[in-house]
Amino acid sequence: MEITPEIKDRLEQLNKKYAAIGQDLVSYLDGLIFANPLTYWDYIEVDALLSLQKPKTDYPDEKIFIVYHQITELYFSLIQHELEQLCHNGKVISAAGQDQGWNETLDVDFFISRLNRINMYFETLTQSFEVMRFGMEKEQFTKFRMALLSSSGFQTAAYRRIEIACTDLKNLVIEELRTKLENTDHHEQLDNIYWRRGAIVEETGEKALTLRDFEKKYLQEFHDFADQYQPINIWKKFKGLAAEDQKNPTLVAALRTLDVNVNVNWPLVHFRTAVHYLSKGTGDEKGTGGTNWQKYLPPRFQKRMFYPELWSAQEKLEWGKKWVEEVLAESITTGPTFQRKK
């Protein structure tokens, strides 16, 4: 085979690359000679991936429940991947953990493109949630969920990291304490974050086991994560832009869309599904893990938003209201076993 100028150029580039890190190019070329061709199933780890579903019951639809939640966690991983780039000004980190470059300021086009990716991921999840709403038989769900008990999607740590990386924690404090704690440090704000009221036994005021287990495993990690990401969260990145860039309509629209995707659409597709499977008209049906989904999920009760400065007073007042009213109207009209609309 002829050593063309193109091949020679590539070899020279490789030689410089490996010399810069004290490695011998010839050894790496030997590795290419001995290596087997890569296959799709090995690269994607298909066998390992498909071995991760371990139902606790014999009800077939439990597998759907598990797979969809695993898909959700993978999408959350992609969202965190994009947020990491934004929070670090587009910094590129190599697979070996090496810093490949740092930008002093965040490029607006890069900011918009990564926000658009995040919104695309959330919208894919929201639109696909019909799998959870209509993809399981209600009778099977109400039975196999009893084997889950204290386990709940409430316990997703990835979603909490996404929230911490997106906004100042003062915006996620329990609404009645928001003004009081507005100027406290982010650790006190995190200790009073809204979701810590999401799994409380109303009769006693005590934390449900779901919440106790979740805090035991992750709360200190969240504090450490907040130390790292609160100074560089998405809102601070936006406010760090030049005044003219902060007026960019495409960027503002992307931030507003992210706010709605995370704080209205995502909790409300859960609410809609909970109504479908759990609502019996008594008002006291508990979600998995003992979560009080009727009060925890609807945005109009908590009025949490990442970017309150980007919304008008009227928009804040009606935050999520129309969405919830439509769901409640449907549940009243069609009952707890409503069918997919044609």
C-alpha atoms as a PDB file:
ATOM      1  CA  MET A   1       0.000   0.000   0.000  1.00  0.00           C
ATOM      2  CA  GLU A   2       1.286   3.409  -0.924  1.00  0.00           C
ATOM      3  CA  ILE A   3       1.964   5.838   1.925  1.00  0.00           C
ATOM      4  CA  THR A   4       0.010   8.786   0.563  1.00  0.00           C
ATOM      5  CA  PRO A   5       0.544  12.372   1.752  1.00  0.00           C
ATOM      6  CA  GLU A   6      -2.758  12.099   3.629  1.00  0.00           C
ATOM      7  CA  ILE A   7      -1.608   9.012   5.537  1.00  0.00           C
ATOM      8  CA  LYS A   8       1.766  10.595   6.257  1.00  0.00           C
ATOM      9  CA  ASP A   9       0.055  13.721   7.571  1.00  0.00           C
ATOM     10  CA  ARG A  10      -2.146  11.663   9.890  1.00  0.00           C
ATOM     11  CA  LEU A  11       0.858   9.737  11.215  1.00  0.00           C
ATOM     12  CA  GLU A  12       2.687  12.970  11.947  1.00  0.00           C
ATOM     13  CA  GLN A  13      -0.342  14.330  13.799  1.00  0.00           C
ATOM     14  CA  LEU A  14      -0.625  11.136  15.824  1.00  0.00           C
ATOM     15  CA  ASN A  15       3.081  11.221  16.618  1.00  0.00           C
ATOM     16  CA  LYS A  16       2.777  14.791  17.954  1.00  0.00           C
ATOM     17  CA  LYS A  17      -0.306  13.883  19.964  1.00  0.00           C
ATOM     18  CA  TYR A  18       1.293  10.948  21.751  1.00  0.00           C
ATOM     19  CA  ALA A  19       4.698  12.599  22.122  1.00  0.00           C
ATOM     20  CA  ALA A  20       3.006  15.465  23.964  1.00  0.00           C
ATOM     21  CA  ILE A  21       1.856  13.041  26.660  1.00  0.00           C
ATOM     22  CA  GLY A  22       5.064  10.999  26.702  1.00  0.00           C
ATOM     23  CA  GLN A  23       3.697   8.020  24.797  1.00  0.00           C
ATOM     24  CA  ASP A  24       5.187   5.971  21.970  1.00  0.00           C
ATOM     25  CA  LEU A  25       3.159   6.055  18.746  1.00  0.00           C
ATOM     26  CA  VAL A  26       4.511   2.700  17.532  1.00  0.00           C
ATOM     27  CA  SER A  27       3.071   0.931  20.565  1.00  0.00           C
ATOM     28  CA  TYR A  28      -0.341   2.404  19.849  1.00  0.00           C
ATOM     29  CA  LEU A  29      -0.100   1.329  16.216  1.00  0.00           C
ATOM     30  CA  ASP A  30       0.691  -2.184  17.423  1.00  0.00           C
ATOM     31  CA  GLY A  31      -2.480  -1.991  19.506  1.00  0.00           C
ATOM     32  CA  LEU A  32      -4.491  -1.198  16.373  1.00  0.00           C
ATOM     33  CA  ILE A  33      -2.975  -4.210  14.621  1.00  0.00           C
ATOM     34  CA  PHE A  34      -3.911  -6.590  17.434  1.00  0.00           C
ATOM     35  CA  ALA A  35      -7.336  -5.136  18.269  1.00  0.00           C
ATOM     36  CA  ASN A  36     -10.512  -6.812  17.040  1.00  0.00           C
ATOM     37  CA  PRO A  37     -13.061  -4.801  15.038  1.00  0.00           C
ATOM     38  CA  LEU A  38     -15.593  -2.994  17.200  1.00  0.00           C
ATOM     39  CA  THR A  39     -19.188  -4.256  17.102  1.00  0.00           C
ATOM     40  CA  TYR A  40     -22.369  -2.329  17.863  1.00  0.00           C
ATOM     41  CA  TRP A  41     -23.418  -4.679  20.669  1.00  0.00           C
ATOM     42  CA  ASP A  42     -20.074  -4.354  22.415  1.00  0.00           C
ATOM     43  CA  TYR A  43     -19.856  -0.583  22.003  1.00  0.00           C
ATOM     44  CA  ILE A  44     -23.410   0.038  23.282  1.00  0.00           C
ATOM     45  CA  GLU A  45     -23.139  -2.762  25.889  1.00  0.00           C
ATOM     46  CA  VAL A  46     -26.469  -4.158  24.707  1.00  0.00           C
ATOM     47  CA  ASP A  47     -26.310  -7.378  26.728  1.00  0.00           C
ATOM     48  CA  ALA A  48     -25.475  -5.508  29.936  1.00  0.00           C
ATOM     49  CA  LEU A  49     -28.160  -2.904  29.257  1.00  0.00           C
ATOM     50  CA  LEU A  50     -30.872  -5.503  28.716  1.00  0.00           C
ATOM     51  CA  SER A  51     -29.884  -7.356  31.878  1.00  0.00           C
ATOM     52  CA  LEU A  52     -30.680  -4.386  34.114  1.00  0.00           C
ATOM     53  CA  GLN A  53     -34.430  -4.994  34.364  1.00  0.00           C
ATOM     54  CA  LYS A  54     -35.158  -6.949  37.532  1.00  0.00           C
ATOM     55  CA  PRO A  55     -38.888  -6.958  38.316  1.00  0.00           C
ATOM     56  CA  LYS A  56     -39.984  -7.689  41.870  1.00  0.00           C
ATOM     57  CA  THR A  57     -43.235  -9.375  40.814  1.00  0.00           C
ATOM     58  CA  ASP A  58     -44.531 -11.616  38.018  1.00  0.00           C
ATOM     59  CA  TYR A  59     -46.778  -8.941  36.527  1.00  0.00           C
ATOM     60  CA  PRO A  60     -45.562  -8.385  32.920  1.00  0.00           C
ATOM     61  CA  ASP A  61     -46.248  -4.641  32.919  1.00  0.00           C
ATOM     62  CA  GLU A  62     -43.739  -4.063  35.704  1.00  0.00           C
ATOM     63  CA  LYS A  63     -41.000  -4.337  33.073  1.00  0.00           C
ATOM     64  CA  ILE A  64     -42.519  -1.353  31.237  1.00  0.00           C
ATOM     65  CA  PHE A  65     -42.409   0.633  34.480  1.00  0.00           C
ATOM     66  CA  ILE A  66     -38.738  -0.206  35.030  1.00  0.00           C
ATOM     67  CA  VAL A  67     -37.570   0.364  31.447  1.00  0.00           C
ATOM     68  CA  TYR A  68     -39.245   3.747  31.142  1.00  0.00           C
ATOM     69  CA  HIS A  69     -37.683   4.978  34.379  1.00  0.00           C
ATOM     70  CA  GLN A  70     -34.278   3.761  33.189  1.00  0.00           C
ATOM     71  CA  ILE A  71     -34.788   5.639  29.922  1.00  0.00           C
ATOM     72  CA  THR A  72     -35.645   8.730  31.963  1.00  0.00           C
ATOM     73  CA  GLU A  73     -32.403   8.450  33.927  1.00  0.00           C
ATOM     74  CA  LEU A  74     -30.419   8.187  30.674  1.00  0.00           C
ATOM     75  CA  TYR A  75     -32.053  11.361  29.364  1.00  0.00           C
ATOM     76  CA  PHE A  76     -31.311  13.088  32.666  1.00  0.00           C
ATOM     77  CA  SER A  77     -27.684  12.058  32.172  1.00  0.00           C
ATOM     78  CA  LEU A  78     -27.693  13.755  28.757  1.00  0.00           C
ATOM     79  CA  ILE A  79     -29.220  16.888  30.283  1.00  0.00           C
ATOM     80  CA  GLN A  80     -26.565  16.978  32.992  1.00  0.00           C
ATOM     81  CA  HIS A  81     -23.920  16.546  30.291  1.00  0.00           C
ATOM     82  CA  GLU A  82     -25.182  19.693  28.517  1.00  0.00           C
ATOM     83  CA  LEU A  83     -25.527  21.642  31.767  1.00  0.00           C
ATOM     84  CA  GLU A  84     -21.964  20.821  32.715  1.00  0.00           C
ATOM     85  CA  GLN A  85     -20.724  22.352  29.478  1.00  0.00           C
ATOM     86  CA  LEU A  86     -22.815  25.479  29.975  1.00  0.00           C
ATOM     87  CA  CYS A  87     -21.846  25.986  33.588  1.00  0.00           C
ATOM     88  CA  HIS A  88     -18.176  25.678  32.654  1.00  0.00           C
ATOM     89  CA  ASN A  89     -18.369  28.094  29.710  1.00  0.00           C
ATOM     90  CA  GLY A  90     -18.215  25.411  27.079  1.00  0.00           C
ATOM     91  CA  LYS A  91     -15.100  23.867  28.603  1.00  0.00           C
ATOM     92  CA  VAL A  92     -14.213  20.551  26.981  1.00  0.00           C
ATOM     93  CA  ILE A  93     -13.151  17.728  29.292  1.00  0.00           C
ATOM     94  CA  SER A  94     -11.356  14.758  27.760  1.00  0.00           C
ATOM     95  CA  ALA A  95     -12.313  11.169  28.546  1.00  0.00           C
ATOM     96  CA  ALA A  96      -9.256  11.063  30.819  1.00  0.00           C
ATOM     97  CA  GLY A  97     -10.574  14.046  32.778  1.00  0.00           C
ATOM     98  CA  GLN A  98      -8.111  16.532  31.322  1.00  0.00           C
ATOM     99  CA  ASP A  99      -9.119  20.150  30.785  1.00  0.00           C
ATOM    100  CA  GLN A 100      -8.953  20.771  27.039  1.00  0.00           C
ATOM    101  CA  GLY A 101      -9.614  24.486  27.134  1.00  0.00           C
ATOM    102  CA  TRP A 102     -11.436  27.266  28.966  1.00  0.00           C
ATOM    103  CA  ASN A 103     -13.479  30.153  27.671  1.00  0.00           C
ATOM    104  CA  GLU A 104     -13.599  33.250  29.864  1.00  0.00           C
ATOM    105  CA  THR A 105     -17.142  34.040  28.739  1.00  0.00           C
ATOM    106  CA  LEU A 106     -19.962  31.888  27.459  1.00  0.00           C
ATOM    107  CA  ASP A 107     -20.642  32.251  23.756  1.00  0.00           C
ATOM    108  CA  VAL A 108     -24.304  33.171  23.193  1.00  0.00           C
ATOM    109  CA  ASP A 109     -24.751  30.836  20.223  1.00  0.00           C
ATOM    110  CA  PHE A 110     -23.283  27.979  22.253  1.00  0.00           C
ATOM    111  CA  PHE A 111     -25.582  28.896  25.157  1.00  0.00           C
ATOM    112  CA  ILE A 112     -28.647  28.748  22.897  1.00  0.00           C
ATOM    113  CA  SER A 113     -27.624  25.515  21.178  1.00  0.00           C
ATOM    114  CA  ARG A 114     -27.122  23.661  24.457  1.00  0.00           C
ATOM    115  CA  LEU A 115     -30.360  25.000  25.943  1.00  0.00           C
ATOM    116  CA  ASN A 116     -32.137  23.808  22.808  1.00  0.00           C
ATOM    117  CA  ARG A 117     -30.672  20.344  23.321  1.00  0.00           C
ATOM    118  CA  ILE A 118     -31.833  20.283  26.948  1.00  0.00           C
ATOM    119  CA  ASN A 119     -35.308  21.395  25.930  1.00  0.00           C
ATOM    120  CA  MET A 120     -35.389  18.723  23.231  1.00  0.00           C
ATOM    121  CA  TYR A 121     -34.528  16.041  25.808  1.00  0.00           C
ATOM    122  CA  PHE A 122     -37.216  17.236  28.232  1.00  0.00           C
ATOM    123  CA  GLU A 123     -39.809  17.503  25.480  1.00  0.00           C
ATOM    124  CA  THR A 124     -38.985  13.978  24.326  1.00  0.00           C
ATOM    125  CA  LEU A 125     -39.558  12.718  27.858  1.00  0.00           C
ATOM    126  CA  THR A 126     -42.764  14.677  28.298  1.00  0.00           C
ATOM    127  CA  GLN A 127     -44.203  13.542  24.981  1.00  0.00           C
ATOM    128  CA  SER A 128     -43.221   9.934  25.595  1.00  0.00           C
ATOM    129  CA  PHE A 129     -44.832   9.833  29.037  1.00  0.00           C
ATOM    130  CA  GLU A 130     -47.921   8.384  27.381  1.00  0.00           C
ATOM    131  CA  VAL A 131     -45.997   5.113  27.749  1.00  0.00           C
ATOM    132  CA  MET A 132     -46.497   5.438  31.495  1.00  0.00           C
ATOM    133  CA  ARG A 133     -50.042   6.737  31.271  1.00  0.00           C
ATOM    134  CA  PHE A 134     -51.453   4.230  28.786  1.00  0.00           C
ATOM    135  CA  GLY A 135     -48.746   1.586  28.486  1.00  0.00           C
ATOM    136  CA  MET A 136     -49.674  -0.425  31.567  1.00  0.00           C
ATOM    137  CA  GLU A 137     -52.850  -2.105  32.719  1.00  0.00           C
ATOM    138  CA  LYS A 138     -54.201  -0.259  35.718  1.00  0.00           C
ATOM    139  CA  GLU A 139     -54.986  -3.494  37.563  1.00  0.00           C
ATOM    140  CA  GLN A 140     -51.411  -4.717  37.140  1.00  0.00           C
ATOM    141  CA  PHE A 141     -49.939  -1.369  38.198  1.00  0.00           C
ATOM    142  CA  THR A 142     -51.997  -1.089  41.370  1.00  0.00           C
ATOM    143  CA  LYS A 143     -50.781  -4.544  42.378  1.00  0.00           C
ATOM    144  CA  PHE A 144     -47.093  -4.541  41.471  1.00  0.00           C
ATOM    145  CA  ARG A 145     -46.639  -1.057  42.964  1.00  0.00           C
ATOM    146  CA  MET A 146     -47.343  -2.626  46.349  1.00  0.00           C
ATOM    147  CA  ALA A 147     -44.053  -4.492  46.000  1.00  0.00           C
ATOM    148  CA  LEU A 148     -42.237  -1.168  45.550  1.00  0.00           C
ATOM    149  CA  LEU A 149     -43.641   0.639  48.600  1.00  0.00           C
ATOM    150  CA  SER A 150     -40.950   3.089  49.743  1.00  0.00           C
ATOM    151  CA  SER A 151     -39.294   3.225  46.310  1.00  0.00           C
ATOM    152  CA  SER A 152     -40.386   6.188  44.191  1.00  0.00           C
ATOM    153  CA  GLY A 153     -39.382   8.276  41.175  1.00  0.00           C
ATOM    154  CA  PHE A 154     -39.275  11.051  43.773  1.00  0.00           C
ATOM    155  CA  GLN A 155     -35.865   9.608  44.633  1.00  0.00           C
ATOM    156  CA  THR A 156     -34.137  10.525  41.367  1.00  0.00           C
ATOM    157  CA  ALA A 157     -30.945  12.346  42.308  1.00  0.00           C
ATOM    158  CA  ALA A 158     -30.262  13.395  38.715  1.00  0.00           C
ATOM    159  CA  TYR A 159     -33.364  15.598  38.606  1.00  0.00           C
ATOM    160  CA  ARG A 160     -32.254  17.363  41.814  1.00  0.00           C
ATOM    161  CA  ARG A 161     -28.809  18.022  40.330  1.00  0.00           C
ATOM    162  CA  ILE A 162     -30.447  19.474  37.232  1.00  0.00           C
ATOM    163  CA  GLU A 163     -32.435  21.874  39.404  1.00  0.00           C
ATOM    164  CA  ILE A 164     -29.357  22.955  41.364  1.00  0.00           C
ATOM    165  CA  ALA A 165     -27.400  23.591  38.167  1.00  0.00           C
ATOM    166  CA  CYS A 166     -30.215  25.580  36.527  1.00  0.00           C
ATOM    167  CA  THR A 167     -31.059  28.260  39.075  1.00  0.00           C
ATOM    168  CA  ASP A 168     -30.354  29.996  42.361  1.00  0.00           C
ATOM    169  CA  LEU A 169     -31.603  27.772  45.166  1.00  0.00           C
ATOM    170  CA  LYS A 170     -33.620  30.632  46.638  1.00  0.00           C
ATOM    171  CA  ASN A 171     -36.098  30.012  43.804  1.00  0.00           C
ATOM    172  CA  LEU A 172     -36.639  26.415  44.937  1.00  0.00           C
ATOM    173  CA  VAL A 173     -37.239  27.112  48.607  1.00  0.00           C
ATOM    174  CA  ILE A 174     -40.667  26.182  49.990  1.00  0.00           C
ATOM    175  CA  GLU A 175     -42.896  29.030  48.826  1.00  0.00           C
ATOM    176  CA  GLU A 176     -43.933  30.327  52.236  1.00  0.00           C
ATOM    177  CA  LEU A 177     -40.258  30.591  53.288  1.00  0.00           C
ATOM    178  CA  ARG A 178     -38.932  32.025  50.021  1.00  0.00           C
ATOM    179  CA  THR A 179     -38.911  35.688  51.047  1.00  0.00           C
ATOM    180  CA  LYS A 180     -37.553  34.964  54.518  1.00  0.00           C
ATOM    181  CA  LEU A 181     -34.637  32.866  53.211  1.00  0.00           C
ATOM    182  CA  GLU A 182     -33.940  34.859  50.036  1.00  0.00           C
ATOM    183  CA  ASN A 183     -30.654  36.268  51.328  1.00  0.00           C
ATOM    184  CA  THR A 184     -29.412  33.275  53.309  1.00  0.00           C
ATOM    185  CA  ASP A 185     -26.657  31.016  52.019  1.00  0.00           C
ATOM    186  CA  HIS A 186     -27.447  28.227  49.599  1.00  0.00           C
ATOM    187  CA  HIS A 187     -26.999  25.526  52.239  1.00  0.00           C
ATOM    188  CA  GLU A 188     -29.866  26.867  54.340  1.00  0.00           C
ATOM    189  CA  GLN A 189     -31.932  27.254  51.193  1.00  0.00           C
ATOM    190  CA  LEU A 190     -31.190  23.654  50.206  1.00  0.00           C
ATOM    191  CA  ASP A 191     -32.259  22.509  53.674  1.00  0.00           C
ATOM    192  CA  ASN A 192     -35.624  24.151  52.957  1.00  0.00           C
ATOM    193  CA  ILE A 193     -36.016  23.097  49.336  1.00  0.00           C
ATOM    194  CA  TYR A 194     -39.558  22.321  48.156  1.00  0.00           C
ATOM    195  CA  TRP A 195     -39.167  18.573  47.591  1.00  0.00           C
ATOM    196  CA  ARG A 196     -38.369  17.937  51.247  1.00  0.00           C
ATOM    197  CA  ARG A 197     -42.104  18.497  51.842  1.00  0.00           C
ATOM    198  CA  GLY A 198     -43.024  16.027  49.111  1.00  0.00           C
ATOM    199  CA  ALA A 199     -43.005  12.838  51.181  1.00  0.00           C
ATOM    200  CA  ILE A 200     -44.405  13.796  54.550  1.00  0.00           C
ATOM    201  CA  VAL A 201     -46.929  11.644  56.397  1.00  0.00           C
ATOM    202  CA  GLU A 202     -49.702  14.182  56.865  1.00  0.00           C
ATOM    203  CA  GLU A 203     -51.252  12.451  59.856  1.00  0.00           C
ATOM    204  CA  THR A 204     -48.016  12.704  61.888  1.00  0.00           C
ATOM    205  CA  GLY A 205     -45.933  15.337  60.089  1.00  0.00           C
ATOM    206  CA  GLU A 206     -43.065  12.847  59.969  1.00  0.00           C
ATOM    207  CA  LYS A 207     -40.892  12.144  56.945  1.00  0.00           C
ATOM    208  CA  ALA A 208     -41.872   9.075  54.953  1.00  0.00           C
ATOM    209  CA  LEU A 209     -39.265   6.332  54.635  1.00  0.00           C
ATOM    210  CA  THR A 210     -38.891   7.353  50.975  1.00  0.00           C
ATOM    211  CA  LEU A 211     -37.627  10.787  51.998  1.00  0.00           C
ATOM    212  CA  ARG A 212     -35.503   9.523  54.883  1.00  0.00           C
ATOM    213  CA  ASP A 213     -33.696   7.043  52.637  1.00  0.00           C
ATOM    214  CA  PHE A 214     -33.243   9.646  49.893  1.00  0.00           C
ATOM    215  CA  GLU A 215     -31.757  12.233  52.245  1.00  0.00           C
ATOM    216  CA  LYS A 216     -29.492   9.675  53.868  1.00  0.00           C
ATOM    217  CA  LYS A 217     -27.999   8.684  50.512  1.00  0.00           C
ATOM    218  CA  TYR A 218     -27.890  12.011  48.687  1.00  0.00           C
ATOM    219  CA  LEU A 219     -28.388  15.090  50.863  1.00  0.00           C
ATOM    220  CA  GLN A 220     -24.700  15.668  51.639  1.00  0.00           C
ATOM    221  CA  GLU A 221     -23.868  15.058  47.973  1.00  0.00           C
ATOM    222  CA  PHE A 222     -26.415  17.729  47.019  1.00  0.00           C
ATOM    223  CA  HIS A 223     -24.758  20.192  49.392  1.00  0.00           C
ATOM    224  CA  ASP A 224     -21.369  19.455  47.817  1.00  0.00           C
ATOM    225  CA  PHE A 225     -22.872  19.756  44.342  1.00  0.00           C
ATOM    226  CA  ALA A 226     -24.436  23.093  45.295  1.00  0.00           C
ATOM    227  CA  ASP A 227     -21.042  24.365  46.463  1.00  0.00           C
ATOM    228  CA  GLN A 228     -19.695  23.648  43.009  1.00  0.00           C
ATOM    229  CA  TYR A 229     -22.617  24.684  40.822  1.00  0.00           C
ATOM    230  CA  GLN A 230     -24.459  27.487  42.602  1.00  0.00           C
ATOM    231  CA  PRO A 231     -21.736  30.044  41.746  1.00  0.00           C
ATOM    232  CA  ILE A 232     -21.864  28.953  38.080  1.00  0.00           C
ATOM    233  CA  ASN A 233     -25.488  27.933  37.574  1.00  0.00           C
ATOM    234  CA  ILE A 234     -27.356  28.734  34.366  1.00  0.00           C
ATOM    235  CA  TRP A 235     -28.980  31.897  35.712  1.00  0.00           C
ATOM    236  CA  LYS A 236     -25.630  33.273  36.852  1.00  0.00           C
ATOM    237  CA  LYS A 237     -24.190  32.459  33.432  1.00  0.00           C
ATOM    238  CA  PHE A 238     -27.051  34.396  31.833  1.00  0.00           C
ATOM    239  CA  LYS A 239     -26.597  37.383  34.160  1.00  0.00           C
ATOM    240  CA  GLY A 240     -22.873  37.317  33.461  1.00  0.00           C
ATOM    241  CA  LEU A 241     -23.447  38.034  29.782  1.00  0.00           C
ATOM    242  CA  ALA A 242     -23.207  41.529  28.332  1.00  0.00           C
ATOM    243  CA  ALA A 243     -26.433  43.529  28.752  1.00  0.00           C
ATOM    244  CA  GLU A 244     -27.103  43.366  25.027  1.00  0.00           C
ATOM    245  CA  ASP A 245     -26.718  39.581  24.972  1.00  0.00           C
ATOM    246  CA  GLN A 246     -29.212  39.255  27.830  1.00  0.00           C
ATOM    247  CA  LYS A 247     -31.808  40.821  25.528  1.00  0.00           C
ATOM    248  CA  ASN A 248     -31.267  38.191  22.847  1.00  0.00           C
ATOM    249  CA  PRO A 249     -34.859  37.023  22.183  1.00  0.00           C
ATOM    250  CA  THR A 250     -33.818  33.514  21.155  1.00  0.00           C
ATOM    251  CA  LEU A 251     -31.805  33.023  24.332  1.00  0.00           C
ATOM    252  CA  VAL A 252     -34.581  34.397  26.561  1.00  0.00           C
ATOM    253  CA  ALA A 253     -37.132  32.167  24.798  1.00  0.00           C
ATOM    254  CA  ALA A 254     -34.918  29.099  25.357  1.00  0.00           C
ATOM    255  CA  LEU A 255     -34.622  29.884  29.082  1.00  0.00           C
ATOM    256  CA  ARG A 256     -38.372  30.409  29.406  1.00  0.00           C
ATOM    257  CA  THR A 257     -38.997  27.134  27.575  1.00  0.00           C
ATOM    258  CA  LEU A 258     -36.609  25.330  29.924  1.00  0.00           C
ATOM    259  CA  ASP A 259     -38.445  26.794  32.909  1.00  0.00           C
ATOM    260  CA  VAL A 260     -41.795  25.536  31.623  1.00  0.00           C
ATOM    261  CA  ASN A 261     -40.414  22.147  30.588  1.00  0.00           C
ATOM    262  CA  VAL A 262     -38.932  21.441  34.022  1.00  0.00           C
ATOM    263  CA  ASN A 263     -41.342  23.181  36.369  1.00  0.00           C
ATOM    264  CA  VAL A 264     -44.697  22.828  34.586  1.00  0.00           C
ATOM    265  CA  ASN A 265     -44.760  20.181  31.859  1.00  0.00           C
ATOM    266  CA  TRP A 266     -42.659  17.495  33.533  1.00  0.00           C
ATOM    267  CA  PRO A 267     -44.412  17.460  36.930  1.00  0.00           C
ATOM    268  CA  LEU A 268     -47.807  17.740  35.274  1.00  0.00           C
ATOM    269  CA  VAL A 269     -47.429  14.706  33.031  1.00  0.00           C
ATOM    270  CA  HIS A 270     -46.698  12.859  36.272  1.00  0.00           C
ATOM    271  CA  PHE A 271     -49.777  14.410  37.835  1.00  0.00           C
ATOM    272  CA  ARG A 272     -51.904  13.397  34.860  1.00  0.00           C
ATOM    273  CA  THR A 273     -50.634   9.822  35.101  1.00  0.00           C
ATOM    274  CA  ALA A 274     -51.179   9.708  38.862  1.00  0.00           C
ATOM    275  CA  VAL A 275     -54.774  10.819  38.314  1.00  0.00           C
ATOM    276  CA  HIS A 276     -55.206   8.009  35.790  1.00  0.00           C
ATOM    277  CA  TYR A 277     -53.867   5.242  38.034  1.00  0.00           C
ATOM    278  CA  LEU A 278     -54.539   6.460  41.557  1.00  0.00           C
ATOM    279  CA  SER A 279     -57.516   8.805  41.661  1.00  0.00           C
ATOM    280  CA  LYS A 280     -60.608   7.238  43.219  1.00  0.00           C
ATOM    281  CA  GLY A 281     -62.391  10.461  44.088  1.00  0.00           C
ATOM    282  CA  THR A 282     -61.615  10.287  47.818  1.00  0.00           C
ATOM    283  CA  GLY A 283     -58.692  12.742  47.654  1.00  0.00           C
ATOM    284  CA  ASP A 284     -56.390  10.707  49.888  1.00  0.00           C
ATOM    285  CA  GLU A 285     -54.706   8.316  47.472  1.00  0.00           C
ATOM    286  CA  LYS A 286     -50.959   8.208  48.054  1.00  0.00           C
ATOM    287  CA  GLY A 287     -48.308   7.827  45.393  1.00  0.00           C
ATOM    288  CA  THR A 288     -45.458   5.340  45.448  1.00  0.00           C
ATOM    289  CA  GLY A 289     -43.249   5.970  48.442  1.00  0.00           C
ATOM    290  CA  GLY A 290     -46.094   7.700  50.258  1.00  0.00           C
ATOM    291  CA  THR A 291     -45.691  10.925  48.270  1.00  0.00           C
ATOM    292  CA  ASN A 292     -48.626  13.296  48.435  1.00  0.00           C
ATOM    293  CA  TRP A 293     -48.810  13.804  44.680  1.00  0.00           C
ATOM    294  CA  GLN A 294     -51.960  15.989  44.798  1.00  0.00           C
ATOM    295  CA  LYS A 295     -50.000  18.767  46.565  1.00  0.00           C
ATOM    296  CA  TYR A 296     -46.445  17.931  45.531  1.00  0.00           C
ATOM    297  CA  LEU A 297     -46.834  17.833  41.732  1.00  0.00           C
ATOM    298  CA  PRO A 298     -49.125  20.729  40.688  1.00  0.00           C
ATOM    299  CA  PRO A 299     -47.003  23.838  39.906  1.00  0.00           C
ATOM    300  CA  ARG A 300     -49.796  26.220  40.904  1.00  0.00           C
ATOM    301  CA  PHE A 301     -49.409  25.087  44.531  1.00  0.00           C
ATOM    302  CA  GLN A 302     -45.652  25.599  44.702  1.00  0.00           C
ATOM    303  CA  LYS A 303     -45.072  28.321  42.105  1.00  0.00           C
ATOM    304  CA  ARG A 304     -41.489  27.258  41.641  1.00  0.00           C
ATOM    305  CA  MET A 305     -39.705  28.686  38.626  1.00  0.00           C
ATOM    306  CA  PHE A 306     -36.071  28.934  37.674  1.00  0.00           C
ATOM    307  CA  TYR A 307     -36.141  32.394  36.125  1.00  0.00           C
ATOM    308  CA  PRO A 308     -38.841  34.556  37.782  1.00  0.00           C
ATOM    309  CA  GLU A 309     -37.343  37.727  36.304  1.00  0.00           C
ATOM    310  CA  LEU A 310     -38.270  36.498  32.822  1.00  0.00           C
ATOM    311  CA  TRP A 311     -41.997  36.211  33.599  1.00  0.00           C
ATOM    312  CA  SER A 312     -44.684  38.842  34.005  1.00  0.00           C
ATOM    313  CA  ALA A 313     -46.747  39.166  37.184  1.00  0.00           C
ATOM    314  CA  GLN A 314     -49.761  37.665  35.385  1.00  0.00           C
ATOM    315  CA  GLU A 315     -47.722  34.733  34.068  1.00  0.00           C
ATOM    316  CA  LYS A 316     -46.479  34.019  37.584  1.00  0.00           C
ATOM    317  CA  LEU A 317     -50.005  34.231  38.986  1.00  0.00           C
ATOM    318  CA  GLU A 318     -51.284  31.679  36.470  1.00  0.00           C
ATOM    319  CA  TRP A 319     -48.229  29.413  36.605  1.00  0.00           C
ATOM    320  CA  GLY A 320     -49.394  25.948  35.536  1.00  0.00           C
ATOM    321  CA  LYS A 321     -53.024  26.780  36.339  1.00  0.00           C
ATOM    322  CA  LYS A 322     -54.545  26.100  32.942  1.00  0.00           C
ATOM    323  CA  TRP A 323     -52.732  22.755  32.568  1.00  0.00           C
ATOM    324  CA  VAL A 324     -53.989  21.486  35.950  1.00  0.00           C
ATOM    325  CA  GLU A 325     -57.544  22.662  35.369  1.00  0.00           C
ATOM    326  CA  GLU A 326     -57.673  20.757  32.094  1.00  0.00           C
ATOM    327  CA  VAL A 327     -56.456  17.556  33.768  1.00  0.00           C
ATOM    328  CA  LEU A 328     -58.928  17.871  36.635  1.00  0.00           C
ATOM    329  CA  ALA A 329     -61.760  18.607  34.211  1.00  0.00           C
ATOM    330  CA  GLU A 330     -60.923  15.492  32.233  1.00  0.00           C
ATOM    331  CA  SER A 331     -60.774  13.320  35.359  1.00  0.00           C
ATOM    332  CA  ILE A 332     -64.182  14.602  36.492  1.00  0.00           C
ATOM    333  CA  THR A 333     -65.714  14.086  33.045  1.00  0.00           C
ATOM    334  CA  THR A 334     -64.333  10.681  32.224  1.00  0.00           C
ATOM    335  CA  GLY A 335     -63.447   9.204  35.587  1.00  0.00           C
ATOM    336  CA  PRO A 336     -60.231   7.497  36.674  1.00  0.00           C
ATOM    337  CA  THR A 337     -60.096   5.112  33.726  1.00  0.00           C
ATOM    338  CA  PHE A 338     -60.198   7.571  30.868  1.00  0.00           C
ATOM    339  CA  GLN A 339     -59.092   6.343  27.466  1.00  0.00           C
ATOM    340  CA  ARG A 340     -56.642   7.776  24.993  1.00  0.00           C
ATOM    341  CA  LYS A 341     -58.207  10.593  22.990  1.00  0.00           C
ATOM    342  CA  LYS A 342     -58.664   9.923  19.293  1.00  0.00           C
END
